[in-house]
């Protein structure tokens, strides 16, 4: 069985795609990933499988293909933060994987803000109940939020304000690294009616 390459493709723009990742991707017979990530690569003769819907059938394809060819799995940003890497380790084992780092959306966002992030608390709201996390968000000095359509920046900011949270500065980065990138800042109330891109990252800090 060939080792499966797990490739961090950065925040999205080809400008932030590490050359090593492109080199490793060229060595793959099959690339697996989301549509947005697959669009970064157009390698002649290479097969692509898009991840959409349930992951289990895709994992079976990867298992079968890895016995006969080189498979690469594309992950947004860096594989080490809120990616499918834990699931891949669970299914295939750590020794079956070669993981290559990319530039995470967190690194990119904090660089654009001119802030450090070694002291930040990271929370993903994907498929989670917001009520369980409000206390953490309110008590931390610097929080990074990976939102989803249900728990959008507007929903988060309204819930915090209704819970009595004050003196927080909010940054919302939309479509980071893309030409249409937009980074907004303000207090909680400024984002009550936020209707921006679903592809966003939220940073909340003490004022």
N, C-alpha and C. Protein backbone atom coordinates (compact mmCIF):
# COMPACT_ATOMS: atom_id res chain seq x y z
N UNK A 1 0.85 -1.20 0.00
CA UNK A 1 0.00 0.00 0.00
C UNK A 1 0.88 1.24 0.00
N UNK A 2 0.59 2.18 -0.90
CA UNK A 2 1.31 3.44 -0.92
C UNK A 2 0.89 4.28 0.28
N UNK A 3 1.84 5.08 0.80
CA UNK A 3 1.47 6.02 1.85
C UNK A 3 0.56 7.09 1.26
N UNK A 4 -0.44 7.48 2.02
CA UNK A 4 -1.40 8.49 1.57
C UNK A 4 -0.87 9.86 1.95
N UNK A 5 -0.79 10.75 0.97
CA UNK A 5 -0.30 12.10 1.23
C UNK A 5 -1.46 13.00 1.66
N UNK A 6 -1.32 13.65 2.80
CA UNK A 6 -2.30 14.62 3.28
C UNK A 6 -1.69 16.00 3.08
N UNK A 7 -2.29 16.79 2.18
CA UNK A 7 -1.66 18.01 1.70
C UNK A 7 -2.44 19.25 2.13
N UNK A 8 -1.83 20.08 2.96
CA UNK A 8 -2.44 21.35 3.35
C UNK A 8 -2.27 22.37 2.25
N UNK A 9 -3.37 22.87 1.69
CA UNK A 9 -3.29 23.72 0.50
C UNK A 9 -3.36 25.22 0.82
N UNK A 10 -3.35 25.58 2.10
CA UNK A 10 -3.38 27.00 2.44
C UNK A 10 -4.79 27.55 2.46
N UNK A 11 -4.93 28.88 2.61
CA UNK A 11 -6.25 29.50 2.79
C UNK A 11 -7.12 29.52 1.55
N UNK A 12 -6.55 29.25 0.37
CA UNK A 12 -7.41 29.19 -0.81
C UNK A 12 -6.81 29.75 -2.08
N UNK A 13 -6.15 30.89 -1.98
CA UNK A 13 -5.54 31.50 -3.15
C UNK A 13 -4.31 30.71 -3.57
N UNK A 14 -4.10 30.53 -4.88
CA UNK A 14 -2.88 29.84 -5.33
C UNK A 14 -1.61 30.58 -4.92
N UNK A 15 -1.71 31.87 -4.63
CA UNK A 15 -0.55 32.63 -4.18
C UNK A 15 0.00 32.08 -2.86
N UNK A 16 -0.85 31.44 -2.08
CA UNK A 16 -0.44 30.92 -0.77
C UNK A 16 -0.34 29.40 -0.76
N UNK A 17 -0.26 28.80 -1.95
CA UNK A 17 -0.07 27.35 -2.06
C UNK A 17 1.43 27.07 -2.01
N UNK A 18 1.91 26.38 -0.97
CA UNK A 18 3.35 26.13 -0.86
C UNK A 18 3.87 25.33 -2.06
N UNK A 19 5.03 25.69 -2.59
CA UNK A 19 5.60 24.94 -3.72
C UNK A 19 5.74 23.44 -3.44
N UNK A 20 6.08 23.10 -2.20
CA UNK A 20 6.23 21.68 -1.86
C UNK A 20 4.91 20.94 -2.02
N UNK A 21 3.79 21.60 -1.68
CA UNK A 21 2.49 20.96 -1.83
C UNK A 21 2.19 20.70 -3.31
N UNK A 22 2.50 21.67 -4.16
CA UNK A 22 2.30 21.47 -5.59
C UNK A 22 3.17 20.33 -6.10
N UNK A 23 4.40 20.26 -5.64
CA UNK A 23 5.29 19.19 -6.05
C UNK A 23 4.74 17.83 -5.64
N UNK A 24 4.27 17.73 -4.39
CA UNK A 24 3.72 16.46 -3.91
C UNK A 24 2.43 16.10 -4.65
N UNK A 25 1.62 17.10 -4.95
CA UNK A 25 0.37 16.84 -5.67
C UNK A 25 0.64 16.29 -7.06
N UNK A 26 1.69 16.78 -7.70
CA UNK A 26 2.04 16.29 -9.05
C UNK A 26 2.44 14.82 -9.03
N UNK A 27 2.91 14.35 -7.89
CA UNK A 27 3.33 12.96 -7.78
C UNK A 27 2.15 12.01 -7.56
N UNK A 28 0.97 12.55 -7.36
CA UNK A 28 -0.21 11.73 -7.06
C UNK A 28 -0.95 11.34 -8.33
N UNK A 29 -1.43 10.10 -8.34
CA UNK A 29 -2.28 9.63 -9.43
C UNK A 29 -3.73 10.05 -9.20
N UNK A 30 -4.09 10.21 -7.94
CA UNK A 30 -5.46 10.59 -7.56
C UNK A 30 -5.40 11.67 -6.50
N UNK A 31 -6.15 12.75 -6.71
CA UNK A 31 -6.32 13.79 -5.69
C UNK A 31 -7.75 13.77 -5.19
N UNK A 32 -7.92 13.81 -3.89
CA UNK A 32 -9.23 13.80 -3.24
C UNK A 32 -9.36 15.09 -2.44
N UNK A 33 -10.50 15.78 -2.57
CA UNK A 33 -10.68 17.01 -1.80
C UNK A 33 -11.97 17.70 -2.14
N UNK A 34 -12.23 18.79 -1.44
CA UNK A 34 -13.40 19.60 -1.74
C UNK A 34 -13.22 20.31 -3.08
N UNK A 35 -14.34 20.74 -3.64
CA UNK A 35 -14.30 21.37 -4.97
C UNK A 35 -13.37 22.57 -5.00
N UNK A 36 -13.44 23.40 -3.96
CA UNK A 36 -12.63 24.62 -3.91
C UNK A 36 -11.14 24.29 -3.94
N UNK A 37 -10.74 23.23 -3.26
CA UNK A 37 -9.34 22.84 -3.21
C UNK A 37 -8.88 22.16 -4.51
N UNK A 38 -9.74 21.34 -5.08
CA UNK A 38 -9.38 20.65 -6.31
C UNK A 38 -9.14 21.63 -7.46
N UNK A 39 -9.82 22.77 -7.42
CA UNK A 39 -9.66 23.77 -8.49
C UNK A 39 -8.26 24.36 -8.53
N UNK A 40 -7.49 24.18 -7.47
CA UNK A 40 -6.12 24.69 -7.44
C UNK A 40 -5.18 23.86 -8.32
N UNK A 41 -5.64 22.68 -8.73
CA UNK A 41 -4.77 21.76 -9.44
C UNK A 41 -5.38 21.34 -10.78
N UNK A 42 -4.57 21.40 -11.81
CA UNK A 42 -4.97 20.93 -13.14
C UNK A 42 -3.79 20.17 -13.71
N UNK A 43 -3.66 18.92 -13.29
CA UNK A 43 -2.49 18.11 -13.63
C UNK A 43 -2.89 17.06 -14.66
N UNK A 44 -2.30 17.11 -15.85
CA UNK A 44 -2.68 16.18 -16.91
C UNK A 44 -2.60 14.72 -16.48
N UNK A 45 -3.64 13.96 -16.82
CA UNK A 45 -3.66 12.53 -16.53
C UNK A 45 -4.00 12.16 -15.11
N UNK A 46 -4.23 13.17 -14.26
CA UNK A 46 -4.51 12.89 -12.85
C UNK A 46 -6.01 12.78 -12.62
N UNK A 47 -6.41 11.78 -11.85
CA UNK A 47 -7.81 11.61 -11.49
C UNK A 47 -8.13 12.44 -10.25
N UNK A 48 -9.35 12.98 -10.21
CA UNK A 48 -9.80 13.73 -9.04
C UNK A 48 -11.12 13.19 -8.54
N UNK A 49 -11.27 13.12 -7.22
CA UNK A 49 -12.52 12.72 -6.59
C UNK A 49 -12.92 13.81 -5.61
N UNK A 50 -14.11 14.37 -5.81
CA UNK A 50 -14.58 15.45 -4.95
C UNK A 50 -15.23 14.90 -3.69
N UNK A 51 -14.90 15.51 -2.56
CA UNK A 51 -15.55 15.17 -1.30
C UNK A 51 -16.83 15.99 -1.18
N UNK A 52 -17.94 15.31 -1.15
CA UNK A 52 -19.22 15.97 -0.93
C UNK A 52 -20.16 14.94 -0.31
N UNK A 53 -20.98 15.39 0.61
CA UNK A 53 -21.86 14.45 1.29
C UNK A 53 -21.08 13.64 2.32
N UNK A 54 -21.45 12.39 2.46
CA UNK A 54 -20.86 11.53 3.48
C UNK A 54 -19.43 11.15 3.11
N UNK A 55 -18.59 11.08 4.15
CA UNK A 55 -17.18 10.81 3.94
C UNK A 55 -16.87 9.32 3.79
N UNK A 56 -17.68 8.46 4.37
CA UNK A 56 -17.37 7.02 4.38
C UNK A 56 -17.13 6.44 2.98
N UNK A 57 -17.96 6.72 1.97
CA UNK A 57 -17.70 6.16 0.64
C UNK A 57 -16.38 6.66 0.05
N UNK A 58 -16.01 7.89 0.34
CA UNK A 58 -14.75 8.44 -0.16
C UNK A 58 -13.57 7.71 0.48
N UNK A 59 -13.69 7.41 1.76
CA UNK A 59 -12.62 6.69 2.46
C UNK A 59 -12.41 5.31 1.87
N UNK A 60 -13.49 4.66 1.43
CA UNK A 60 -13.36 3.35 0.79
C UNK A 60 -12.65 3.47 -0.56
N UNK A 61 -12.95 4.52 -1.30
CA UNK A 61 -12.25 4.76 -2.57
C UNK A 61 -10.76 4.95 -2.31
N UNK A 62 -10.44 5.74 -1.29
CA UNK A 62 -9.04 5.99 -0.94
C UNK A 62 -8.34 4.69 -0.57
N UNK A 63 -9.01 3.87 0.23
CA UNK A 63 -8.42 2.59 0.66
C UNK A 63 -8.10 1.71 -0.55
N UNK A 64 -9.05 1.61 -1.47
CA UNK A 64 -8.86 0.76 -2.65
C UNK A 64 -7.76 1.30 -3.55
N UNK A 65 -7.80 2.61 -3.80
CA UNK A 65 -6.84 3.21 -4.73
C UNK A 65 -5.43 3.21 -4.17
N UNK A 66 -5.29 3.36 -2.85
CA UNK A 66 -3.97 3.44 -2.25
C UNK A 66 -3.18 2.14 -2.38
N UNK A 67 -3.87 1.05 -2.68
CA UNK A 67 -3.18 -0.23 -2.87
C UNK A 67 -2.51 -0.31 -4.24
N UNK A 68 -2.93 0.53 -5.17
CA UNK A 68 -2.42 0.42 -6.55
C UNK A 68 -1.80 1.72 -7.07
N UNK A 69 -2.03 2.84 -6.41
CA UNK A 69 -1.50 4.10 -6.91
C UNK A 69 -1.29 5.08 -5.77
N UNK A 70 -0.71 6.24 -6.12
CA UNK A 70 -0.44 7.28 -5.12
C UNK A 70 -1.65 8.19 -4.97
N UNK A 71 -2.15 8.28 -3.73
CA UNK A 71 -3.32 9.10 -3.43
C UNK A 71 -2.91 10.30 -2.60
N UNK A 72 -3.45 11.46 -2.96
CA UNK A 72 -3.27 12.67 -2.17
C UNK A 72 -4.61 13.21 -1.71
N UNK A 73 -4.69 13.62 -0.46
CA UNK A 73 -5.92 14.19 0.09
C UNK A 73 -5.66 15.66 0.41
N UNK A 74 -6.46 16.53 -0.19
CA UNK A 74 -6.29 17.97 -0.01
C UNK A 74 -7.12 18.45 1.18
N UNK A 75 -6.50 19.20 2.07
CA UNK A 75 -7.22 19.79 3.19
C UNK A 75 -7.01 21.29 3.16
N UNK A 76 -8.05 22.03 3.50
CA UNK A 76 -7.96 23.50 3.53
C UNK A 76 -7.00 23.94 4.63
N UNK A 77 -6.28 25.02 4.36
CA UNK A 77 -5.39 25.56 5.37
C UNK A 77 -4.29 24.59 5.72
N UNK A 78 -4.20 24.23 6.99
CA UNK A 78 -3.20 23.29 7.48
C UNK A 78 -3.91 22.08 8.06
N UNK A 79 -3.34 20.90 7.83
CA UNK A 79 -3.99 19.66 8.29
C UNK A 79 -4.08 19.56 9.81
N UNK A 80 -3.28 20.36 10.52
CA UNK A 80 -3.23 20.24 11.97
C UNK A 80 -4.31 20.99 12.72
N UNK A 81 -5.21 21.68 12.03
CA UNK A 81 -6.25 22.43 12.74
C UNK A 81 -7.60 22.26 12.07
N UNK A 82 -8.50 21.58 12.76
CA UNK A 82 -9.88 21.36 12.32
C UNK A 82 -9.96 20.85 10.88
N UNK A 83 -9.26 19.75 10.62
CA UNK A 83 -9.33 19.11 9.31
C UNK A 83 -9.82 17.68 9.48
N UNK A 84 -9.79 16.91 8.39
CA UNK A 84 -10.22 15.50 8.47
C UNK A 84 -9.07 14.60 8.90
N UNK A 85 -7.93 15.18 9.28
CA UNK A 85 -6.79 14.35 9.67
C UNK A 85 -7.11 13.36 10.79
N UNK A 86 -7.81 13.75 11.87
CA UNK A 86 -8.12 12.75 12.91
C UNK A 86 -8.91 11.55 12.37
N UNK A 87 -9.83 11.81 11.45
CA UNK A 87 -10.60 10.70 10.86
C UNK A 87 -9.70 9.80 10.01
N UNK A 88 -8.78 10.41 9.29
CA UNK A 88 -7.86 9.63 8.46
C UNK A 88 -6.96 8.76 9.33
N UNK A 89 -6.48 9.31 10.44
CA UNK A 89 -5.65 8.54 11.37
C UNK A 89 -6.46 7.39 11.95
N UNK A 90 -7.71 7.65 12.29
CA UNK A 90 -8.58 6.62 12.85
C UNK A 90 -8.80 5.48 11.86
N UNK A 91 -8.99 5.80 10.59
CA UNK A 91 -9.32 4.79 9.58
C UNK A 91 -8.08 4.08 9.06
N UNK A 92 -7.02 4.83 8.76
CA UNK A 92 -5.86 4.25 8.09
C UNK A 92 -4.65 4.03 8.99
N UNK A 93 -4.63 4.72 10.13
CA UNK A 93 -3.47 4.64 11.02
C UNK A 93 -2.45 5.70 10.68
N UNK A 94 -1.75 6.17 11.69
CA UNK A 94 -0.80 7.27 11.51
C UNK A 94 0.34 6.89 10.55
N UNK A 95 0.78 5.63 10.61
CA UNK A 95 1.91 5.20 9.80
C UNK A 95 1.58 5.13 8.32
N UNK A 96 0.30 5.14 7.96
CA UNK A 96 -0.10 5.06 6.56
C UNK A 96 -0.14 6.43 5.90
N UNK A 97 0.10 7.49 6.68
CA UNK A 97 -0.06 8.86 6.18
C UNK A 97 1.26 9.62 6.15
N UNK A 98 1.39 10.47 5.15
CA UNK A 98 2.46 11.47 5.11
C UNK A 98 1.78 12.84 5.10
N UNK A 99 1.99 13.62 6.14
CA UNK A 99 1.27 14.89 6.29
C UNK A 99 2.21 16.05 5.95
N UNK A 100 1.73 16.93 5.08
CA UNK A 100 2.49 18.10 4.65
C UNK A 100 1.74 19.36 5.07
N UNK A 101 2.40 20.25 5.83
CA UNK A 101 1.70 21.43 6.37
C UNK A 101 1.43 22.50 5.32
N UNK A 102 0.39 23.26 5.56
CA UNK A 102 0.06 24.41 4.74
C UNK A 102 -0.11 25.64 5.63
N UNK A 103 -0.44 26.76 5.03
CA UNK A 103 -0.70 27.99 5.77
C UNK A 103 -2.16 27.99 6.20
N UNK A 104 -2.42 28.03 7.49
CA UNK A 104 -3.79 27.99 7.97
C UNK A 104 -4.47 29.35 7.81
N UNK A 105 -5.80 29.33 7.78
CA UNK A 105 -6.56 30.58 7.75
C UNK A 105 -6.28 31.41 9.00
N UNK A 106 -5.99 30.73 10.12
CA UNK A 106 -5.68 31.44 11.36
C UNK A 106 -4.39 32.23 11.21
N UNK A 107 -3.35 31.58 10.69
CA UNK A 107 -2.08 32.28 10.46
C UNK A 107 -2.29 33.50 9.55
N UNK A 108 -3.03 33.27 8.49
CA UNK A 108 -3.26 34.34 7.51
C UNK A 108 -4.02 35.50 8.15
N UNK A 109 -5.10 35.18 8.87
CA UNK A 109 -5.93 36.22 9.47
C UNK A 109 -5.15 37.06 10.48
N UNK A 110 -4.41 36.40 11.35
CA UNK A 110 -3.67 37.14 12.36
C UNK A 110 -2.55 37.97 11.75
N UNK A 111 -1.95 37.48 10.67
CA UNK A 111 -0.95 38.28 9.98
C UNK A 111 -1.58 39.54 9.40
N UNK A 112 -2.76 39.42 8.82
CA UNK A 112 -3.45 40.58 8.27
C UNK A 112 -3.83 41.57 9.36
N UNK A 113 -4.13 41.06 10.56
CA UNK A 113 -4.52 41.93 11.67
C UNK A 113 -3.31 42.50 12.40
N UNK A 114 -2.14 41.92 12.17
CA UNK A 114 -0.95 42.36 12.89
C UNK A 114 -0.98 41.96 14.35
N UNK A 115 -1.60 40.82 14.64
CA UNK A 115 -1.73 40.32 16.01
C UNK A 115 -1.06 38.95 16.14
N UNK A 116 -0.65 38.62 17.35
CA UNK A 116 -0.12 37.28 17.62
C UNK A 116 -1.26 36.34 18.00
N UNK A 117 -1.03 35.06 17.84
CA UNK A 117 -2.10 34.09 18.12
C UNK A 117 -1.67 32.94 19.02
N UNK A 118 -0.48 33.01 19.62
CA UNK A 118 -0.05 31.91 20.48
C UNK A 118 -0.87 31.84 21.76
N UNK A 119 -1.56 32.93 22.11
CA UNK A 119 -2.36 32.95 23.33
C UNK A 119 -3.86 32.86 23.05
N UNK A 120 -4.23 32.49 21.83
CA UNK A 120 -5.65 32.45 21.46
C UNK A 120 -6.27 31.10 21.79
N UNK A 121 -7.55 31.12 22.06
CA UNK A 121 -8.35 29.89 22.27
C UNK A 121 -9.08 29.60 20.95
N UNK A 122 -9.00 28.36 20.49
CA UNK A 122 -9.61 27.99 19.22
C UNK A 122 -10.88 27.18 19.45
N UNK A 123 -11.95 27.59 18.77
CA UNK A 123 -13.23 26.90 18.92
C UNK A 123 -13.87 26.72 17.54
N UNK A 124 -14.36 25.52 17.29
CA UNK A 124 -15.11 25.28 16.06
C UNK A 124 -16.59 25.13 16.41
N UNK A 125 -17.42 25.88 15.70
CA UNK A 125 -18.87 25.81 15.91
C UNK A 125 -19.54 24.89 14.91
N UNK A 126 -18.77 24.21 14.08
CA UNK A 126 -19.34 23.33 13.06
C UNK A 126 -20.09 22.17 13.71
N UNK A 127 -21.40 22.18 13.58
CA UNK A 127 -22.21 21.09 14.11
C UNK A 127 -22.29 21.05 15.62
N UNK A 128 -21.98 22.15 16.31
CA UNK A 128 -22.00 22.17 17.76
C UNK A 128 -23.03 23.18 18.25
N UNK A 129 -23.48 22.99 19.48
CA UNK A 129 -24.45 23.91 20.07
C UNK A 129 -23.73 25.12 20.64
N UNK A 130 -24.19 26.28 20.26
CA UNK A 130 -23.54 27.51 20.68
C UNK A 130 -23.63 27.72 22.18
N UNK A 131 -24.72 27.30 22.79
CA UNK A 131 -24.91 27.53 24.22
C UNK A 131 -23.78 26.92 25.05
N UNK A 132 -23.21 25.81 24.58
CA UNK A 132 -22.14 25.15 25.33
C UNK A 132 -20.84 25.93 25.30
N UNK A 133 -20.72 26.88 24.37
CA UNK A 133 -19.45 27.57 24.18
C UNK A 133 -19.47 29.04 24.58
N UNK A 134 -20.66 29.56 24.89
CA UNK A 134 -20.77 30.98 25.19
C UNK A 134 -19.93 31.40 26.38
N UNK A 135 -19.92 30.58 27.42
CA UNK A 135 -19.13 30.90 28.60
C UNK A 135 -17.64 30.98 28.30
N UNK A 136 -17.18 30.07 27.44
CA UNK A 136 -15.76 30.07 27.06
C UNK A 136 -15.42 31.33 26.27
N UNK A 137 -16.27 31.66 25.30
CA UNK A 137 -16.02 32.84 24.48
C UNK A 137 -16.01 34.10 25.34
N UNK A 138 -16.93 34.17 26.28
CA UNK A 138 -17.05 35.35 27.12
C UNK A 138 -15.85 35.53 28.05
N UNK A 139 -15.27 34.42 28.51
CA UNK A 139 -14.23 34.51 29.53
C UNK A 139 -12.81 34.61 28.97
N UNK A 140 -12.62 34.25 27.71
CA UNK A 140 -11.28 34.26 27.12
C UNK A 140 -10.93 35.66 26.58
N UNK A 141 -9.65 35.99 26.63
CA UNK A 141 -9.20 37.30 26.13
C UNK A 141 -9.08 37.34 24.61
N UNK A 142 -8.86 36.19 23.99
CA UNK A 142 -8.67 36.13 22.54
C UNK A 142 -9.19 34.79 22.04
N UNK A 143 -10.21 34.83 21.20
CA UNK A 143 -10.86 33.60 20.72
C UNK A 143 -10.91 33.60 19.21
N UNK A 144 -10.61 32.45 18.62
CA UNK A 144 -10.76 32.23 17.19
C UNK A 144 -11.94 31.29 16.97
N UNK A 145 -12.89 31.72 16.15
CA UNK A 145 -14.09 30.93 15.92
C UNK A 145 -14.19 30.48 14.47
N UNK A 146 -14.34 29.18 14.27
CA UNK A 146 -14.67 28.63 12.97
C UNK A 146 -16.18 28.47 12.94
N UNK A 147 -16.87 29.32 12.21
CA UNK A 147 -18.34 29.34 12.24
C UNK A 147 -18.92 28.41 11.18
N UNK A 148 -20.24 28.26 11.22
CA UNK A 148 -20.96 27.57 10.16
C UNK A 148 -22.23 28.36 9.84
N UNK A 149 -23.07 27.83 8.95
CA UNK A 149 -24.26 28.57 8.54
C UNK A 149 -25.24 28.75 9.69
N UNK A 150 -25.31 27.77 10.58
CA UNK A 150 -26.22 27.86 11.73
C UNK A 150 -25.68 28.86 12.75
N UNK A 151 -24.44 28.69 13.12
CA UNK A 151 -23.80 29.57 14.10
C UNK A 151 -22.94 30.58 13.36
N UNK A 152 -23.59 31.53 12.72
CA UNK A 152 -22.92 32.56 11.92
C UNK A 152 -22.35 33.64 12.84
N UNK A 153 -21.51 34.53 12.30
CA UNK A 153 -21.03 35.65 13.12
C UNK A 153 -22.16 36.47 13.74
N UNK A 154 -23.26 36.66 13.00
CA UNK A 154 -24.39 37.42 13.53
C UNK A 154 -25.02 36.71 14.72
N UNK A 155 -25.21 35.40 14.60
CA UNK A 155 -25.81 34.62 15.69
C UNK A 155 -24.92 34.64 16.92
N UNK A 156 -23.62 34.47 16.71
CA UNK A 156 -22.67 34.47 17.83
C UNK A 156 -22.67 35.82 18.55
N UNK A 157 -22.60 36.89 17.79
CA UNK A 157 -22.51 38.22 18.40
C UNK A 157 -23.80 38.59 19.15
N UNK A 158 -24.94 38.23 18.58
CA UNK A 158 -26.21 38.49 19.28
C UNK A 158 -26.29 37.70 20.57
N UNK A 159 -25.89 36.44 20.53
CA UNK A 159 -25.96 35.59 21.73
C UNK A 159 -25.03 36.12 22.82
N UNK A 160 -23.86 36.56 22.45
CA UNK A 160 -22.93 37.10 23.45
C UNK A 160 -23.49 38.37 24.09
N UNK A 161 -24.03 39.25 23.27
CA UNK A 161 -24.59 40.50 23.79
C UNK A 161 -25.79 40.23 24.69
N UNK A 162 -26.66 39.32 24.27
CA UNK A 162 -27.82 38.97 25.08
C UNK A 162 -27.42 38.32 26.39
N UNK A 163 -26.23 37.69 26.40
CA UNK A 163 -25.72 37.07 27.62
C UNK A 163 -24.99 38.04 28.52
N UNK A 164 -24.97 39.31 28.15
CA UNK A 164 -24.37 40.33 29.00
C UNK A 164 -22.90 40.58 28.75
N UNK A 165 -22.35 40.02 27.67
CA UNK A 165 -20.93 40.23 27.38
C UNK A 165 -20.72 41.64 26.84
N UNK A 166 -19.69 42.29 27.33
CA UNK A 166 -19.38 43.65 26.90
C UNK A 166 -17.88 43.77 26.60
N UNK A 167 -17.51 44.89 26.03
CA UNK A 167 -16.10 45.24 25.82
C UNK A 167 -15.33 44.19 25.02
N UNK A 168 -15.94 43.74 23.93
CA UNK A 168 -15.28 42.83 23.02
C UNK A 168 -15.13 43.49 21.64
N UNK A 169 -13.98 43.28 21.03
CA UNK A 169 -13.74 43.74 19.67
C UNK A 169 -13.78 42.53 18.75
N UNK A 170 -14.56 42.64 17.68
CA UNK A 170 -14.78 41.51 16.78
C UNK A 170 -14.15 41.81 15.42
N UNK A 171 -13.45 40.80 14.90
CA UNK A 171 -12.93 40.85 13.53
C UNK A 171 -13.54 39.69 12.75
N UNK A 172 -14.04 39.96 11.57
CA UNK A 172 -14.56 38.92 10.70
C UNK A 172 -13.82 38.98 9.38
N UNK A 173 -13.15 37.89 9.05
CA UNK A 173 -12.45 37.79 7.78
C UNK A 173 -13.23 36.92 6.81
N UNK A 174 -13.60 37.49 5.67
CA UNK A 174 -14.36 36.76 4.66
C UNK A 174 -13.49 36.46 3.44
N UNK A 175 -13.64 35.24 2.91
CA UNK A 175 -12.94 34.84 1.69
C UNK A 175 -11.45 35.18 1.76
N UNK A 176 -10.84 34.80 2.85
CA UNK A 176 -9.45 35.16 3.10
C UNK A 176 -8.52 34.65 1.99
N UNK A 177 -7.66 35.53 1.53
CA UNK A 177 -6.63 35.32 0.50
C UNK A 177 -7.17 35.42 -0.92
N UNK A 178 -8.49 35.44 -1.09
CA UNK A 178 -9.08 35.58 -2.42
C UNK A 178 -9.18 37.06 -2.81
N UNK A 179 -9.35 37.34 -4.11
CA UNK A 179 -9.45 38.75 -4.53
C UNK A 179 -10.57 39.51 -3.84
N UNK A 180 -11.67 38.82 -3.50
CA UNK A 180 -12.82 39.46 -2.86
C UNK A 180 -12.71 39.49 -1.34
N UNK A 181 -11.53 39.21 -0.81
CA UNK A 181 -11.32 39.21 0.64
C UNK A 181 -11.83 40.50 1.29
N UNK A 182 -12.44 40.33 2.46
CA UNK A 182 -12.91 41.48 3.23
C UNK A 182 -12.71 41.19 4.71
N UNK A 183 -12.09 42.11 5.42
CA UNK A 183 -11.93 41.99 6.87
C UNK A 183 -12.61 43.19 7.52
N UNK A 184 -13.59 42.90 8.38
CA UNK A 184 -14.36 43.94 9.06
C UNK A 184 -14.09 43.88 10.55
N UNK A 185 -14.25 45.01 11.22
CA UNK A 185 -14.07 45.06 12.67
C UNK A 185 -15.13 45.93 13.30
N UNK A 186 -15.41 45.67 14.56
CA UNK A 186 -16.40 46.47 15.29
C UNK A 186 -16.74 45.80 16.59
N UNK A 187 -17.73 46.36 17.30
CA UNK A 187 -18.18 45.73 18.54
C UNK A 187 -19.24 44.68 18.20
N UNK A 188 -19.75 44.00 19.21
CA UNK A 188 -20.72 42.93 18.98
C UNK A 188 -21.93 43.42 18.19
N UNK A 189 -22.45 44.58 18.56
CA UNK A 189 -23.66 45.11 17.94
C UNK A 189 -23.48 45.39 16.45
N UNK A 190 -22.27 45.67 16.04
CA UNK A 190 -22.01 45.98 14.63
C UNK A 190 -22.23 44.78 13.72
N UNK A 191 -22.25 43.58 14.30
CA UNK A 191 -22.38 42.37 13.49
C UNK A 191 -23.72 41.65 13.66
N UNK A 192 -24.69 42.31 14.32
CA UNK A 192 -25.99 41.68 14.52
C UNK A 192 -26.67 41.33 13.20
N UNK A 193 -26.42 42.12 12.16
CA UNK A 193 -27.08 41.90 10.87
C UNK A 193 -26.09 41.45 9.80
N UNK A 194 -25.00 40.85 10.22
CA UNK A 194 -23.98 40.40 9.28
C UNK A 194 -24.55 39.38 8.30
N UNK A 195 -24.34 39.62 7.02
CA UNK A 195 -24.80 38.70 5.98
C UNK A 195 -23.71 38.51 4.93
N UNK A 196 -22.50 38.28 5.38
CA UNK A 196 -21.37 38.13 4.47
C UNK A 196 -21.18 36.71 3.99
N UNK A 197 -19.98 36.43 3.54
CA UNK A 197 -19.64 35.12 3.00
C UNK A 197 -19.69 34.04 4.07
N UNK A 198 -20.13 32.84 3.67
CA UNK A 198 -20.11 31.71 4.59
C UNK A 198 -18.68 31.24 4.85
N UNK A 199 -17.77 31.62 3.97
CA UNK A 199 -16.36 31.27 4.14
C UNK A 199 -15.70 32.37 4.96
N UNK A 200 -15.83 32.25 6.29
CA UNK A 200 -15.32 33.31 7.16
C UNK A 200 -14.64 32.76 8.39
N UNK A 201 -13.88 33.61 9.02
CA UNK A 201 -13.21 33.30 10.28
C UNK A 201 -13.43 34.48 11.21
N UNK A 202 -13.74 34.19 12.47
CA UNK A 202 -14.05 35.24 13.44
C UNK A 202 -12.99 35.24 14.55
N UNK A 203 -12.52 36.43 14.86
CA UNK A 203 -11.61 36.63 15.98
C UNK A 203 -12.25 37.62 16.95
N UNK A 204 -12.34 37.24 18.22
CA UNK A 204 -12.94 38.10 19.24
C UNK A 204 -11.90 38.34 20.33
N UNK A 205 -11.62 39.61 20.61
CA UNK A 205 -10.60 39.96 21.60
C UNK A 205 -11.18 40.98 22.58
N UNK A 206 -10.56 41.06 23.74
CA UNK A 206 -10.93 42.10 24.70
C UNK A 206 -10.52 43.46 24.14
N UNK A 207 -11.38 44.45 24.35
CA UNK A 207 -11.04 45.80 23.89
C UNK A 207 -9.92 46.39 24.75
